[in-house]
Amino acid sequence: MLNHKRSPTSAGAPGAARSAGFLRVLGAVFAAFLGIRKRASGERDAVTIKLVHVVIAGVLGAAMLVAVLLTLVWFVTHTH
């Protein structure tokens, strides 16, 4: 008989990893933009965050960064 051990993060376990919420995904992407991630947070997020959510949050973050930079440039160049 095979001995199947359950890992602490397997489905149904009391401490099972759940899918991360949208705010956690945004926080992870923002921290990645800044380059400030703790190893434990990165490992936890690698298990709980889905790739498609990271891509969507990354595109939104990049679009917001470009919009802020364009607005800043517009204000600097259009002041009298």
PDB file of N, CA and C in Angstrom:
ATOM      1  N   MET A   1       0.838  -1.165   0.000  1.00  0.00           N
ATOM      2  CA  MET A   1       0.000   0.000   0.000  1.00  0.00           C
ATOM      3  C   MET A   1       0.893   1.241   0.000  1.00  0.00           C
ATOM      4  N   LEU A   2       0.526   2.218  -0.788  1.00  0.00           N
ATOM      5  CA  LEU A   2       1.294   3.457  -0.879  1.00  0.00           C
ATOM      6  C   LEU A   2       0.944   4.380   0.265  1.00  0.00           C
ATOM      7  N   ASN A   3       1.936   5.047   0.773  1.00  0.00           N
ATOM      8  CA  ASN A   3       1.727   5.999   1.855  1.00  0.00           C
ATOM      9  C   ASN A   3       1.682   7.402   1.268  1.00  0.00           C
ATOM     10  N   HIS A   4       0.509   7.988   1.198  1.00  0.00           N
ATOM     11  CA  HIS A   4       0.349   9.331   0.646  1.00  0.00           C
ATOM     12  C   HIS A   4       0.318  10.330   1.784  1.00  0.00           C
ATOM     13  N   LYS A   5       1.312  11.193   1.813  1.00  0.00           N
ATOM     14  CA  LYS A   5       1.341  12.240   2.836  1.00  0.00           C
ATOM     15  C   LYS A   5       0.777  13.509   2.236  1.00  0.00           C
ATOM     16  N   ARG A   6      -0.003  14.210   3.014  1.00  0.00           N
ATOM     17  CA  ARG A   6      -0.563  15.477   2.562  1.00  0.00           C
ATOM     18  C   ARG A   6       0.357  16.596   2.977  1.00  0.00           C
ATOM     19  N   SER A   7       0.623  17.477   2.062  1.00  0.00           N
ATOM     20  CA  SER A   7       1.426  18.644   2.399  1.00  0.00           C
ATOM     21  C   SER A   7       0.534  19.654   3.101  1.00  0.00           C
ATOM     22  N   PRO A   8       1.126  20.570   3.898  1.00  0.00           N
ATOM     23  CA  PRO A   8       0.309  21.555   4.615  1.00  0.00           C
ATOM     24  C   PRO A   8      -0.486  22.471   3.708  1.00  0.00           C
ATOM     25  N   THR A   9      -0.070  22.603   2.452  1.00  0.00           N
ATOM     26  CA  THR A   9      -0.778  23.503   1.544  1.00  0.00           C
ATOM     27  C   THR A   9      -1.693  22.752   0.591  1.00  0.00           C
ATOM     28  N   SER A  10      -1.858  21.437   0.788  1.00  0.00           N
ATOM     29  CA  SER A  10      -2.731  20.703  -0.115  1.00  0.00           C
ATOM     30  C   SER A  10      -4.185  21.069   0.158  1.00  0.00           C
ATOM     31  N   ALA A  11      -5.024  20.863  -0.827  1.00  0.00           N
ATOM     32  CA  ALA A  11      -6.434  21.233  -0.714  1.00  0.00           C
ATOM     33  C   ALA A  11      -7.085  20.458   0.418  1.00  0.00           C
ATOM     34  N   GLY A  12      -7.877  21.149   1.181  1.00  0.00           N
ATOM     35  CA  GLY A  12      -8.588  20.521   2.265  1.00  0.00           C
ATOM     36  C   GLY A  12      -7.867  20.581   3.599  1.00  0.00           C
ATOM     37  N   ALA A  13      -6.610  20.926   3.604  1.00  0.00           N
ATOM     38  CA  ALA A  13      -5.860  21.031   4.849  1.00  0.00           C
ATOM     39  C   ALA A  13      -6.276  22.306   5.563  1.00  0.00           C
ATOM     40  N   PRO A  14      -6.188  22.332   6.891  1.00  0.00           N
ATOM     41  CA  PRO A  14      -6.615  23.528   7.630  1.00  0.00           C
ATOM     42  C   PRO A  14      -5.877  24.798   7.216  1.00  0.00           C
ATOM     43  N   GLY A  15      -4.606  24.713   6.876  1.00  0.00           N
ATOM     44  CA  GLY A  15      -3.837  25.898   6.485  1.00  0.00           C
ATOM     45  C   GLY A  15      -3.651  26.005   4.985  1.00  0.00           C
ATOM     46  N   ALA A  16      -4.574  25.446   4.217  1.00  0.00           N
ATOM     47  CA  ALA A  16      -4.430  25.415   2.765  1.00  0.00           C
ATOM     48  C   ALA A  16      -4.389  26.825   2.195  1.00  0.00           C
ATOM     49  N   ALA A  17      -3.534  27.005   1.195  1.00  0.00           N
ATOM     50  CA  ALA A  17      -3.397  28.308   0.552  1.00  0.00           C
ATOM     51  C   ALA A  17      -4.615  28.566  -0.324  1.00  0.00           C
ATOM     52  N   ARG A  18      -5.190  29.743  -0.169  1.00  0.00           N
ATOM     53  CA  ARG A  18      -6.333  30.122  -0.982  1.00  0.00           C
ATOM     54  C   ARG A  18      -5.853  31.078  -2.059  1.00  0.00           C
ATOM     55  N   SER A  19      -6.707  31.318  -3.018  1.00  0.00           N
ATOM     56  CA  SER A  19      -6.392  32.265  -4.069  1.00  0.00           C
ATOM     57  C   SER A  19      -6.329  33.674  -3.483  1.00  0.00           C
ATOM     58  N   ALA A  20      -5.331  34.426  -3.882  1.00  0.00           N
ATOM     59  CA  ALA A  20      -5.134  35.771  -3.350  1.00  0.00           C
ATOM     60  C   ALA A  20      -6.190  36.723  -3.908  1.00  0.00           C
ATOM     61  N   GLY A  21      -6.558  37.707  -3.103  1.00  0.00           N
ATOM     62  CA  GLY A  21      -7.506  38.719  -3.528  1.00  0.00           C
ATOM     63  C   GLY A  21      -6.845  39.754  -4.425  1.00  0.00           C
ATOM     64  N   PHE A  22      -7.682  40.580  -5.029  1.00  0.00           N
ATOM     65  CA  PHE A  22      -7.183  41.562  -5.987  1.00  0.00           C
ATOM     66  C   PHE A  22      -6.234  42.565  -5.330  1.00  0.00           C
ATOM     67  N   LEU A  23      -6.528  42.980  -4.103  1.00  0.00           N
ATOM     68  CA  LEU A  23      -5.640  43.928  -3.418  1.00  0.00           C
ATOM     69  C   LEU A  23      -4.278  43.321  -3.132  1.00  0.00           C
ATOM     70  N   ARG A  24      -4.237  42.044  -2.796  1.00  0.00           N
ATOM     71  CA  ARG A  24      -2.951  41.374  -2.565  1.00  0.00           C
ATOM     72  C   ARG A  24      -2.153  41.302  -3.868  1.00  0.00           C
ATOM     73  N   VAL A  25      -2.842  41.039  -4.975  1.00  0.00           N
ATOM     74  CA  VAL A  25      -2.164  40.992  -6.276  1.00  0.00           C
ATOM     75  C   VAL A  25      -1.597  42.369  -6.607  1.00  0.00           C
ATOM     76  N   LEU A  26      -2.405  43.428  -6.406  1.00  0.00           N
ATOM     77  CA  LEU A  26      -1.921  44.785  -6.670  1.00  0.00           C
ATOM     78  C   LEU A  26      -0.730  45.131  -5.782  1.00  0.00           C
ATOM     79  N   GLY A  27      -0.794  44.731  -4.511  1.00  0.00           N
ATOM     80  CA  GLY A  27       0.319  44.973  -3.602  1.00  0.00           C
ATOM     81  C   GLY A  27       1.582  44.255  -4.038  1.00  0.00           C
ATOM     82  N   ALA A  28       1.438  43.025  -4.491  1.00  0.00           N
ATOM     83  CA  ALA A  28       2.596  42.261  -4.951  1.00  0.00           C
ATOM     84  C   ALA A  28       3.212  42.882  -6.200  1.00  0.00           C
ATOM     85  N   VAL A  29       2.369  43.319  -7.128  1.00  0.00           N
ATOM     86  CA  VAL A  29       2.877  43.937  -8.353  1.00  0.00           C
ATOM     87  C   VAL A  29       3.534  45.285  -8.038  1.00  0.00           C
ATOM     88  N   PHE A  30       2.921  46.072  -7.153  1.00  0.00           N
ATOM     89  CA  PHE A  30       3.504  47.360  -6.759  1.00  0.00           C
ATOM     90  C   PHE A  30       4.859  47.157  -6.095  1.00  0.00           C
ATOM     91  N   ALA A  31       4.951  46.171  -5.212  1.00  0.00           N
ATOM     92  CA  ALA A  31       6.227  45.879  -4.555  1.00  0.00           C
ATOM     93  C   ALA A  31       7.263  45.413  -5.577  1.00  0.00           C
ATOM     94  N   ALA A  32       6.827  44.663  -6.576  1.00  0.00           N
ATOM     95  CA  ALA A  32       7.750  44.221  -7.623  1.00  0.00           C
ATOM     96  C   ALA A  32       8.230  45.406  -8.457  1.00  0.00           C
ATOM     97  N   PHE A  33       7.352  46.382  -8.728  1.00  0.00           N
ATOM     98  CA  PHE A  33       7.767  47.582  -9.448  1.00  0.00           C
ATOM     99  C   PHE A  33       8.859  48.311  -8.684  1.00  0.00           C
ATOM    100  N   LEU A  34       8.704  48.372  -7.355  1.00  0.00           N
ATOM    101  CA  LEU A  34       9.684  49.069  -6.523  1.00  0.00           C
ATOM    102  C   LEU A  34      10.892  48.215  -6.188  1.00  0.00           C
ATOM    103  N   GLY A  35      10.753  46.912  -6.317  1.00  0.00           N
ATOM    104  CA  GLY A  35      11.848  46.002  -6.011  1.00  0.00           C
ATOM    105  C   GLY A  35      12.007  45.731  -4.533  1.00  0.00           C
ATOM    106  N   ILE A  36      10.920  45.825  -3.763  1.00  0.00           N
ATOM    107  CA  ILE A  36      10.982  45.592  -2.322  1.00  0.00           C
ATOM    108  C   ILE A  36      10.076  44.428  -1.954  1.00  0.00           C
ATOM    109  N   ARG A  37      10.585  43.229  -2.041  1.00  0.00           N
ATOM    110  CA  ARG A  37       9.805  42.036  -1.688  1.00  0.00           C
ATOM    111  C   ARG A  37      10.589  41.219  -0.677  1.00  0.00           C
ATOM    112  N   LYS A  38       9.898  40.777   0.358  1.00  0.00           N
ATOM    113  CA  LYS A  38      10.499  39.832   1.288  1.00  0.00           C
ATOM    114  C   LYS A  38      10.394  38.441   0.685  1.00  0.00           C
ATOM    115  N   ARG A  39      11.349  37.602   0.997  1.00  0.00           N
ATOM    116  CA  ARG A  39      11.364  36.265   0.427  1.00  0.00           C
ATOM    117  C   ARG A  39      10.108  35.479   0.811  1.00  0.00           C
ATOM    118  N   ALA A  40       9.705  35.554   2.072  1.00  0.00           N
ATOM    119  CA  ALA A  40       8.529  34.808   2.527  1.00  0.00           C
ATOM    120  C   ALA A  40       7.270  35.282   1.801  1.00  0.00           C
ATOM    121  N   SER A  41       7.146  36.580   1.601  1.00  0.00           N
ATOM    122  CA  SER A  41       5.979  37.116   0.883  1.00  0.00           C
ATOM    123  C   SER A  41       5.983  36.658  -0.565  1.00  0.00           C
ATOM    124  N   GLY A  42       7.141  36.666  -1.171  1.00  0.00           N
ATOM    125  CA  GLY A  42       7.245  36.219  -2.558  1.00  0.00           C
ATOM    126  C   GLY A  42       6.892  34.753  -2.718  1.00  0.00           C
ATOM    127  N   GLU A  43       7.346  33.925  -1.786  1.00  0.00           N
ATOM    128  CA  GLU A  43       7.023  32.499  -1.850  1.00  0.00           C
ATOM    129  C   GLU A  43       5.536  32.262  -1.615  1.00  0.00           C
ATOM    130  N   ARG A  44       4.941  33.000  -0.671  1.00  0.00           N
ATOM    131  CA  ARG A  44       3.504  32.858  -0.415  1.00  0.00           C
ATOM    132  C   ARG A  44       2.709  33.299  -1.636  1.00  0.00           C
ATOM    133  N   ASP A  45       3.112  34.421  -2.233  1.00  0.00           N
ATOM    134  CA  ASP A  45       2.390  34.924  -3.393  1.00  0.00           C
ATOM    135  C   ASP A  45       2.555  34.014  -4.604  1.00  0.00           C
ATOM    136  N   ALA A  46       3.693  33.340  -4.711  1.00  0.00           N
ATOM    137  CA  ALA A  46       3.908  32.421  -5.830  1.00  0.00           C
ATOM    138  C   ALA A  46       2.908  31.269  -5.793  1.00  0.00           C
ATOM    139  N   VAL A  47       2.447  30.924  -4.614  1.00  0.00           N
ATOM    140  CA  VAL A  47       1.489  29.829  -4.463  1.00  0.00           C
ATOM    141  C   VAL A  47       0.056  30.319  -4.603  1.00  0.00           C
ATOM    142  N   THR A  48      -0.228  31.537  -4.143  1.00  0.00           N
ATOM    143  CA  THR A  48      -1.623  31.983  -4.067  1.00  0.00           C
ATOM    144  C   THR A  48      -2.067  32.878  -5.217  1.00  0.00           C
ATOM    145  N   ILE A  49      -1.142  33.470  -5.938  1.00  0.00           N
ATOM    146  CA  ILE A  49      -1.513  34.401  -7.013  1.00  0.00           C
ATOM    147  C   ILE A  49      -1.480  33.687  -8.357  1.00  0.00           C
ATOM    148  N   LYS A  50      -2.517  33.900  -9.141  1.00  0.00           N
ATOM    149  CA  LYS A  50      -2.582  33.315 -10.480  1.00  0.00           C
ATOM    150  C   LYS A  50      -1.866  34.234 -11.470  1.00  0.00           C
ATOM    151  N   LEU A  51      -1.234  33.621 -12.459  1.00  0.00           N
ATOM    152  CA  LEU A  51      -0.435  34.361 -13.434  1.00  0.00           C
ATOM    153  C   LEU A  51      -1.268  35.395 -14.184  1.00  0.00           C
ATOM    154  N   VAL A  52      -2.479  35.054 -14.564  1.00  0.00           N
ATOM    155  CA  VAL A  52      -3.307  35.991 -15.324  1.00  0.00           C
ATOM    156  C   VAL A  52      -3.602  37.245 -14.496  1.00  0.00           C
ATOM    157  N   HIS A  53      -3.769  37.090 -13.183  1.00  0.00           N
ATOM    158  CA  HIS A  53      -4.007  38.258 -12.324  1.00  0.00           C
ATOM    159  C   HIS A  53      -2.776  39.143 -12.251  1.00  0.00           C
ATOM    160  N   VAL A  54      -1.596  38.535 -12.228  1.00  0.00           N
ATOM    161  CA  VAL A  54      -0.348  39.309 -12.201  1.00  0.00           C
ATOM    162  C   VAL A  54      -0.189  40.096 -13.493  1.00  0.00           C
ATOM    163  N   VAL A  55      -0.503  39.472 -14.611  1.00  0.00           N
ATOM    164  CA  VAL A  55      -0.385  40.151 -15.904  1.00  0.00           C
ATOM    165  C   VAL A  55      -1.349  41.331 -15.979  1.00  0.00           C
ATOM    166  N   ILE A  56      -2.584  41.123 -15.576  1.00  0.00           N
ATOM    167  CA  ILE A  56      -3.580  42.207 -15.607  1.00  0.00           C
ATOM    168  C   ILE A  56      -3.169  43.345 -14.683  1.00  0.00           C
ATOM    169  N   ALA A  57      -2.753  43.015 -13.459  1.00  0.00           N
ATOM    170  CA  ALA A  57      -2.323  44.044 -12.509  1.00  0.00           C
ATOM    171  C   ALA A  57      -1.065  44.758 -13.012  1.00  0.00           C
ATOM    172  N   GLY A  58      -0.166  44.031 -13.646  1.00  0.00           N
ATOM    173  CA  GLY A  58       1.044  44.646 -14.196  1.00  0.00           C
ATOM    174  C   GLY A  58       0.738  45.624 -15.316  1.00  0.00           C
ATOM    175  N   VAL A  59      -0.173  45.248 -16.192  1.00  0.00           N
ATOM    176  CA  VAL A  59      -0.564  46.146 -17.289  1.00  0.00           C
ATOM    177  C   VAL A  59      -1.257  47.388 -16.729  1.00  0.00           C
ATOM    178  N   LEU A  60      -2.144  47.194 -15.743  1.00  0.00           N
ATOM    179  CA  LEU A  60      -2.802  48.348 -15.115  1.00  0.00           C
ATOM    180  C   LEU A  60      -1.787  49.245 -14.407  1.00  0.00           C
ATOM    181  N   GLY A  61      -0.850  48.641 -13.703  1.00  0.00           N
ATOM    182  CA  GLY A  61       0.184  49.417 -13.014  1.00  0.00           C
ATOM    183  C   GLY A  61       1.056  50.187 -13.978  1.00  0.00           C
ATOM    184  N   ALA A  62       1.443  49.546 -15.075  1.00  0.00           N
ATOM    185  CA  ALA A  62       2.265  50.224 -16.079  1.00  0.00           C
ATOM    186  C   ALA A  62       1.495  51.370 -16.732  1.00  0.00           C
ATOM    187  N   ALA A  63       0.206  51.155 -17.006  1.00  0.00           N
ATOM    188  CA  ALA A  63      -0.618  52.214 -17.598  1.00  0.00           C
ATOM    189  C   ALA A  63      -0.748  53.398 -16.645  1.00  0.00           C
ATOM    190  N   MET A  64      -0.926  53.109 -15.358  1.00  0.00           N
ATOM    191  CA  MET A  64      -1.011  54.192 -14.378  1.00  0.00           C
ATOM    192  C   MET A  64       0.315  54.937 -14.272  1.00  0.00           C
ATOM    193  N   LEU A  65       1.422  54.223 -14.290  1.00  0.00           N
ATOM    194  CA  LEU A  65       2.742  54.862 -14.241  1.00  0.00           C
ATOM    195  C   LEU A  65       2.954  55.771 -15.441  1.00  0.00           C
ATOM    196  N   VAL A  66       2.603  55.307 -16.629  1.00  0.00           N
ATOM    197  CA  VAL A  66       2.740  56.129 -17.839  1.00  0.00           C
ATOM    198  C   VAL A  66       1.832  57.351 -17.758  1.00  0.00           C
ATOM    199  N   ALA A  67       0.600  57.188 -17.274  1.00  0.00           N
ATOM    200  CA  ALA A  67      -0.331  58.314 -17.159  1.00  0.00           C
ATOM    201  C   ALA A  67       0.202  59.355 -16.179  1.00  0.00           C
ATOM    202  N   VAL A  68       0.757  58.906 -15.058  1.00  0.00           N
ATOM    203  CA  VAL A  68       1.320  59.843 -14.085  1.00  0.00           C
ATOM    204  C   VAL A  68       2.518  60.582 -14.674  1.00  0.00           C
ATOM    205  N   LEU A  69       3.389  59.870 -15.365  1.00  0.00           N
ATOM    206  CA  LEU A  69       4.560  60.519 -15.970  1.00  0.00           C
ATOM    207  C   LEU A  69       4.158  61.509 -17.057  1.00  0.00           C
ATOM    208  N   LEU A  70       3.191  61.148 -17.892  1.00  0.00           N
ATOM    209  CA  LEU A  70       2.728  62.068 -18.934  1.00  0.00           C
ATOM    210  C   LEU A  70       2.076  63.310 -18.327  1.00  0.00           C
ATOM    211  N   THR A  71       1.304  63.125 -17.272  1.00  0.00           N
ATOM    212  CA  THR A  71       0.683  64.261 -16.585  1.00  0.00           C
ATOM    213  C   THR A  71       1.747  65.164 -15.975  1.00  0.00           C
ATOM    214  N   LEU A  72       2.738  64.581 -15.360  1.00  0.00           N
ATOM    215  CA  LEU A  72       3.832  65.355 -14.773  1.00  0.00           C
ATOM    216  C   LEU A  72       4.586  66.140 -15.844  1.00  0.00           C
ATOM    217  N   VAL A  73       4.882  65.517 -16.948  1.00  0.00           N
ATOM    218  CA  VAL A  73       5.568  66.202 -18.046  1.00  0.00           C
ATOM    219  C   VAL A  73       4.700  67.329 -18.594  1.00  0.00           C
ATOM    220  N   TRP A  74       3.397  67.084 -18.729  1.00  0.00           N
ATOM    221  CA  TRP A  74       2.500  68.124 -19.238  1.00  0.00           C
ATOM    222  C   TRP A  74       2.496  69.328 -18.306  1.00  0.00           C
ATOM    223  N   PHE A  75       2.414  69.102 -16.985  1.00  0.00           N
ATOM    224  CA  PHE A  75       2.409  70.218 -16.044  1.00  0.00           C
ATOM    225  C   PHE A  75       3.731  70.983 -16.062  1.00  0.00           C
ATOM    226  N   VAL A  76       4.833  70.290 -16.208  1.00  0.00           N
ATOM    227  CA  VAL A  76       6.144  70.961 -16.213  1.00  0.00           C
ATOM    228  C   VAL A  76       6.317  71.774 -17.501  1.00  0.00           C
ATOM    229  N   THR A  77       5.883  71.270 -18.620  1.00  0.00           N
ATOM    230  CA  THR A  77       6.085  71.962 -19.889  1.00  0.00           C
ATOM    231  C   THR A  77       5.044  73.048 -20.171  1.00  0.00           C
ATOM    232  N   HIS A  78       3.908  73.037 -19.483  1.00  0.00           N
ATOM    233  CA  HIS A  78       2.862  74.019 -19.753  1.00  0.00           C
ATOM    234  C   HIS A  78       2.715  75.065 -18.656  1.00  0.00           C
ATOM    235  N   THR A  79       3.699  75.196 -17.813  1.00  0.00           N
ATOM    236  CA  THR A  79       3.641  76.256 -16.796  1.00  0.00           C
ATOM    237  C   THR A  79       4.220  77.528 -17.392  1.00  0.00           C
ATOM    238  N   HIS A  80       3.672  78.653 -16.989  1.00  0.00           N
ATOM    239  CA  HIS A  80       4.161  79.926 -17.528  1.00  0.00           C
ATOM    240  C   HIS A  80       4.923  80.672 -16.506  1.00  0.00           C
TER     241      HIS A  80
END
